[in-house]
């Protein structure tokens, strides 16, 4: 396993990258999100990866997490500005109409730059993931993502320090992740 500072990576067309949801959220943020230092770093790295001809992969799990995170982030902004609808009612409201359009536009931009990483339920050792989930109190989706990366030889691009103890190649600018002791 290697956790590598993404700013030091020289990308090539041989790289097979799998971007975690938190990276897609930084690259294609929810409406009204504040810019961050990390967003600038990952945006530069994303451009470098595209220019180098890297293979960037995505699957439906990541896309689903992205859509839901984008919607929930905008719902939080809606409630912080005085909105009182429940999340389900908000999704049915005219306020959500522009949000859902923005989500679809962002998803289409993401998909236009990615290759689909097919995931078959039968290809996953679900019992092993259940054991690891129970033993390590790990996020189940993170375990699935790590399993996909291992099986398909992907380097994971993430800002999530929960991956610190997982045996895959990781590119990140998260200080805690870069300086973890797995």
Foldseek 3Di string as FASTA:
>chain_A
DAEAALLPDQEAQPAEEEEALVLLCLQQPAPPDDHDPQSVSSNVSVVSNVVRNHAYEDEPVSLVVNLVVSLVVVVVVCVVVPDDDDSVVCCVDPVCPVRVVSSVVSVVVVVVRHDYQDDDPVVDPVVVLVVCCVPVVADSVVVVVLVSCVVVVHEYEDLDLSCLPRPHHYHYNNPCSNPDDD
